[in-house]
Amino acid sequence: MDPQLLTYYEAIERASADMLNAARNGNWDEVVKLEGACVLLISQLKHAAQGHRAAAVDTDAEAASAEAAKTKSRIMQRILVNDAEIRQLAEPWLATLDETLAGRRRTLH
């Protein structure tokens, strides 16, 4: 795996952790802002991955690639755990938002 690609995964993980901290503090504006940053990072990662060409690898490169794949897997697992907790924390906030919007709709008609 290209080290540049791993850098993108690490940046996404940091943004995910920051989103989780903001969600734990009830700072939903910050969560939304960080979500936008994640979307941008993911787009950049996809673009970088498309431009990445696999070259012939020697034994040392294969070992490094295997270690990078393990690191990527651990990062992805942490991102998924963060995302699950963010979603769990967001459920009550979203329900309140839905109720507020439903109340506004009733008063408008």
C-alpha atoms as a PDB file:
ATOM      1  CA  MET A   1       0.000   0.000   0.000  1.00  0.00           C
ATOM      2  CA  ASP A   2       1.234   3.451  -0.902  1.00  0.00           C
ATOM      3  CA  PRO A   3       2.214   5.408   2.241  1.00  0.00           C
ATOM      4  CA  GLN A   4       0.299   8.405   0.890  1.00  0.00           C
ATOM      5  CA  LEU A   5      -2.910   6.368   0.902  1.00  0.00           C
ATOM      6  CA  LEU A   6      -2.272   5.312   4.490  1.00  0.00           C
ATOM      7  CA  THR A   7      -1.872   8.986   5.377  1.00  0.00           C
ATOM      8  CA  TYR A   8      -5.395   9.636   4.069  1.00  0.00           C
ATOM      9  CA  TYR A   9      -6.787   6.783   6.173  1.00  0.00           C
ATOM     10  CA  GLU A  10      -5.055   8.203   9.242  1.00  0.00           C
ATOM     11  CA  ALA A  11      -6.475  11.681   8.559  1.00  0.00           C
ATOM     12  CA  ILE A  12      -9.967  10.218   8.190  1.00  0.00           C
ATOM     13  CA  GLU A  13      -9.508   8.372  11.468  1.00  0.00           C
ATOM     14  CA  ARG A  14      -8.474  11.608  13.240  1.00  0.00           C
ATOM     15  CA  ALA A  15     -11.492  13.425  11.826  1.00  0.00           C
ATOM     16  CA  SER A  16     -13.699  10.509  12.911  1.00  0.00           C
ATOM     17  CA  ALA A  17     -12.308  10.676  16.454  1.00  0.00           C
ATOM     18  CA  ASP A  18     -12.848  14.452  16.502  1.00  0.00           C
ATOM     19  CA  MET A  19     -16.433  13.907  15.322  1.00  0.00           C
ATOM     20  CA  LEU A  20     -16.988  11.438  18.139  1.00  0.00           C
ATOM     21  CA  ASN A  21     -15.647  13.888  20.716  1.00  0.00           C
ATOM     22  CA  ALA A  22     -17.890  16.634  19.348  1.00  0.00           C
ATOM     23  CA  ALA A  23     -20.890  14.272  19.425  1.00  0.00           C
ATOM     24  CA  ARG A  24     -20.134  13.290  23.019  1.00  0.00           C
ATOM     25  CA  ASN A  25     -20.145  17.007  23.880  1.00  0.00           C
ATOM     26  CA  GLY A  26     -23.390  17.581  21.983  1.00  0.00           C
ATOM     27  CA  ASN A  27     -21.673  19.929  19.537  1.00  0.00           C
ATOM     28  CA  TRP A  28     -23.629  18.896  16.463  1.00  0.00           C
ATOM     29  CA  ASP A  29     -22.523  21.878  14.377  1.00  0.00           C
ATOM     30  CA  GLU A  30     -18.931  20.685  14.813  1.00  0.00           C
ATOM     31  CA  VAL A  31     -19.963  17.115  13.956  1.00  0.00           C
ATOM     32  CA  VAL A  32     -21.491  18.332  10.689  1.00  0.00           C
ATOM     33  CA  LYS A  33     -18.396  20.424   9.913  1.00  0.00           C
ATOM     34  CA  LEU A  34     -16.095  17.467  10.544  1.00  0.00           C
ATOM     35  CA  GLU A  35     -18.330  15.206   8.497  1.00  0.00           C
ATOM     36  CA  GLY A  36     -17.748  17.559   5.572  1.00  0.00           C
ATOM     37  CA  ALA A  37     -14.002  17.278   6.150  1.00  0.00           C
ATOM     38  CA  CYS A  38     -14.327  13.475   6.109  1.00  0.00           C
ATOM     39  CA  VAL A  39     -16.228  13.587   2.825  1.00  0.00           C
ATOM     40  CA  LEU A  40     -13.440  15.690   1.310  1.00  0.00           C
ATOM     41  CA  LEU A  41     -10.727  13.364   2.642  1.00  0.00           C
ATOM     42  CA  ILE A  42     -12.559  10.301   1.318  1.00  0.00           C
ATOM     43  CA  SER A  43     -12.864  11.945  -2.093  1.00  0.00           C
ATOM     44  CA  GLN A  44      -9.142  12.744  -2.071  1.00  0.00           C
ATOM     45  CA  LEU A  45      -8.372   9.164  -1.018  1.00  0.00           C
ATOM     46  CA  LYS A  46     -10.442   7.761  -3.886  1.00  0.00           C
ATOM     47  CA  HIS A  47      -8.691  10.054  -6.347  1.00  0.00           C
ATOM     48  CA  ALA A  48      -5.246   9.127  -5.003  1.00  0.00           C
ATOM     49  CA  ALA A  49      -6.107   5.412  -5.067  1.00  0.00           C
ATOM     50  CA  GLN A  50      -7.168   5.624  -8.710  1.00  0.00           C
ATOM     51  CA  GLY A  51      -3.828   7.159  -9.601  1.00  0.00           C
ATOM     52  CA  HIS A  52      -1.913   4.564  -7.611  1.00  0.00           C
ATOM     53  CA  ARG A  53      -0.234   1.956  -9.743  1.00  0.00           C
ATOM     54  CA  ALA A  54       0.946  -1.294  -8.207  1.00  0.00           C
ATOM     55  CA  ALA A  55       4.583  -1.846  -9.062  1.00  0.00           C
ATOM     56  CA  ALA A  56       6.540  -5.071  -8.932  1.00  0.00           C
ATOM     57  CA  VAL A  57       7.348  -5.733  -5.298  1.00  0.00           C
ATOM     58  CA  ASP A  58      10.317  -7.318  -3.663  1.00  0.00           C
ATOM     59  CA  THR A  59      10.252  -9.244  -0.372  1.00  0.00           C
ATOM     60  CA  ASP A  60      10.823  -6.141   1.780  1.00  0.00           C
ATOM     61  CA  ALA A  61       8.091  -4.252  -0.054  1.00  0.00           C
ATOM     62  CA  GLU A  62       5.706  -7.191   0.389  1.00  0.00           C
ATOM     63  CA  ALA A  63       6.348  -7.215   4.147  1.00  0.00           C
ATOM     64  CA  ALA A  64       5.809  -3.456   4.329  1.00  0.00           C
ATOM     65  CA  SER A  65       2.646  -3.802   2.278  1.00  0.00           C
ATOM     66  CA  ALA A  66       1.317  -6.519   4.580  1.00  0.00           C
ATOM     67  CA  GLU A  67       2.012  -4.333   7.616  1.00  0.00           C
ATOM     68  CA  ALA A  68       0.312  -1.366   5.908  1.00  0.00           C
ATOM     69  CA  ALA A  69      -2.726  -3.554   5.172  1.00  0.00           C
ATOM     70  CA  LYS A  70      -2.935  -4.501   8.859  1.00  0.00           C
ATOM     71  CA  THR A  71      -2.650  -0.846   9.837  1.00  0.00           C
ATOM     72  CA  LYS A  72      -5.361   0.082   7.340  1.00  0.00           C
ATOM     73  CA  SER A  73      -7.610  -2.641   8.752  1.00  0.00           C
ATOM     74  CA  ARG A  74      -7.126  -1.383  12.337  1.00  0.00           C
ATOM     75  CA  ILE A  75      -7.836   2.187  11.228  1.00  0.00           C
ATOM     76  CA  MET A  76     -11.001   1.135   9.386  1.00  0.00           C
ATOM     77  CA  GLN A  77     -12.210  -0.781  12.448  1.00  0.00           C
ATOM     78  CA  ARG A  78     -11.712   2.283  14.670  1.00  0.00           C
ATOM     79  CA  ILE A  79     -13.530   4.483  12.157  1.00  0.00           C
ATOM     80  CA  LEU A  80     -16.468   2.057  12.124  1.00  0.00           C
ATOM     81  CA  VAL A  81     -16.588   1.930  15.939  1.00  0.00           C
ATOM     82  CA  ASN A  82     -16.508   5.740  16.082  1.00  0.00           C
ATOM     83  CA  ASP A  83     -19.226   5.971  13.458  1.00  0.00           C
ATOM     84  CA  ALA A  84     -21.464   3.546  15.339  1.00  0.00           C
ATOM     85  CA  GLU A  85     -21.133   5.545  18.561  1.00  0.00           C
ATOM     86  CA  ILE A  86     -21.747   8.835  16.741  1.00  0.00           C
ATOM     87  CA  ARG A  87     -24.920   7.382  15.241  1.00  0.00           C
ATOM     88  CA  GLN A  88     -26.047   6.165  18.659  1.00  0.00           C
ATOM     89  CA  LEU A  89     -25.423   9.601  20.181  1.00  0.00           C
ATOM     90  CA  ALA A  90     -27.171  11.310  17.275  1.00  0.00           C
ATOM     91  CA  GLU A  91     -30.417   9.328  17.527  1.00  0.00           C
ATOM     92  CA  PRO A  92     -31.964  11.375  20.368  1.00  0.00           C
ATOM     93  CA  TRP A  93     -30.826  14.628  18.763  1.00  0.00           C
ATOM     94  CA  LEU A  94     -32.337  13.600  15.421  1.00  0.00           C
ATOM     95  CA  ALA A  95     -35.595  12.567  17.108  1.00  0.00           C
ATOM     96  CA  THR A  96     -35.808  15.964  18.810  1.00  0.00           C
ATOM     97  CA  LEU A  97     -35.061  17.674  15.507  1.00  0.00           C
ATOM     98  CA  ASP A  98     -37.790  15.648  13.779  1.00  0.00           C
ATOM     99  CA  GLU A  99     -40.283  16.599  16.504  1.00  0.00           C
ATOM    100  CA  THR A 100     -39.332  20.247  16.228  1.00  0.00           C
ATOM    101  CA  LEU A 101     -39.705  20.225  12.462  1.00  0.00           C
ATOM    102  CA  ALA A 102     -43.001  18.330  12.675  1.00  0.00           C
ATOM    103  CA  GLY A 103     -44.310  20.954  15.114  1.00  0.00           C
ATOM    104  CA  ARG A 104     -43.286  23.756  12.795  1.00  0.00           C
ATOM    105  CA  ARG A 105     -45.004  22.095   9.868  1.00  0.00           C
ATOM    106  CA  ARG A 106     -48.237  21.871  11.853  1.00  0.00           C
ATOM    107  CA  THR A 107     -48.136  25.541  12.777  1.00  0.00           C
ATOM    108  CA  LEU A 108     -47.425  26.591   9.208  1.00  0.00           C
ATOM    109  CA  HIS A 109     -50.546  24.957   7.794  1.00  0.00           C
END
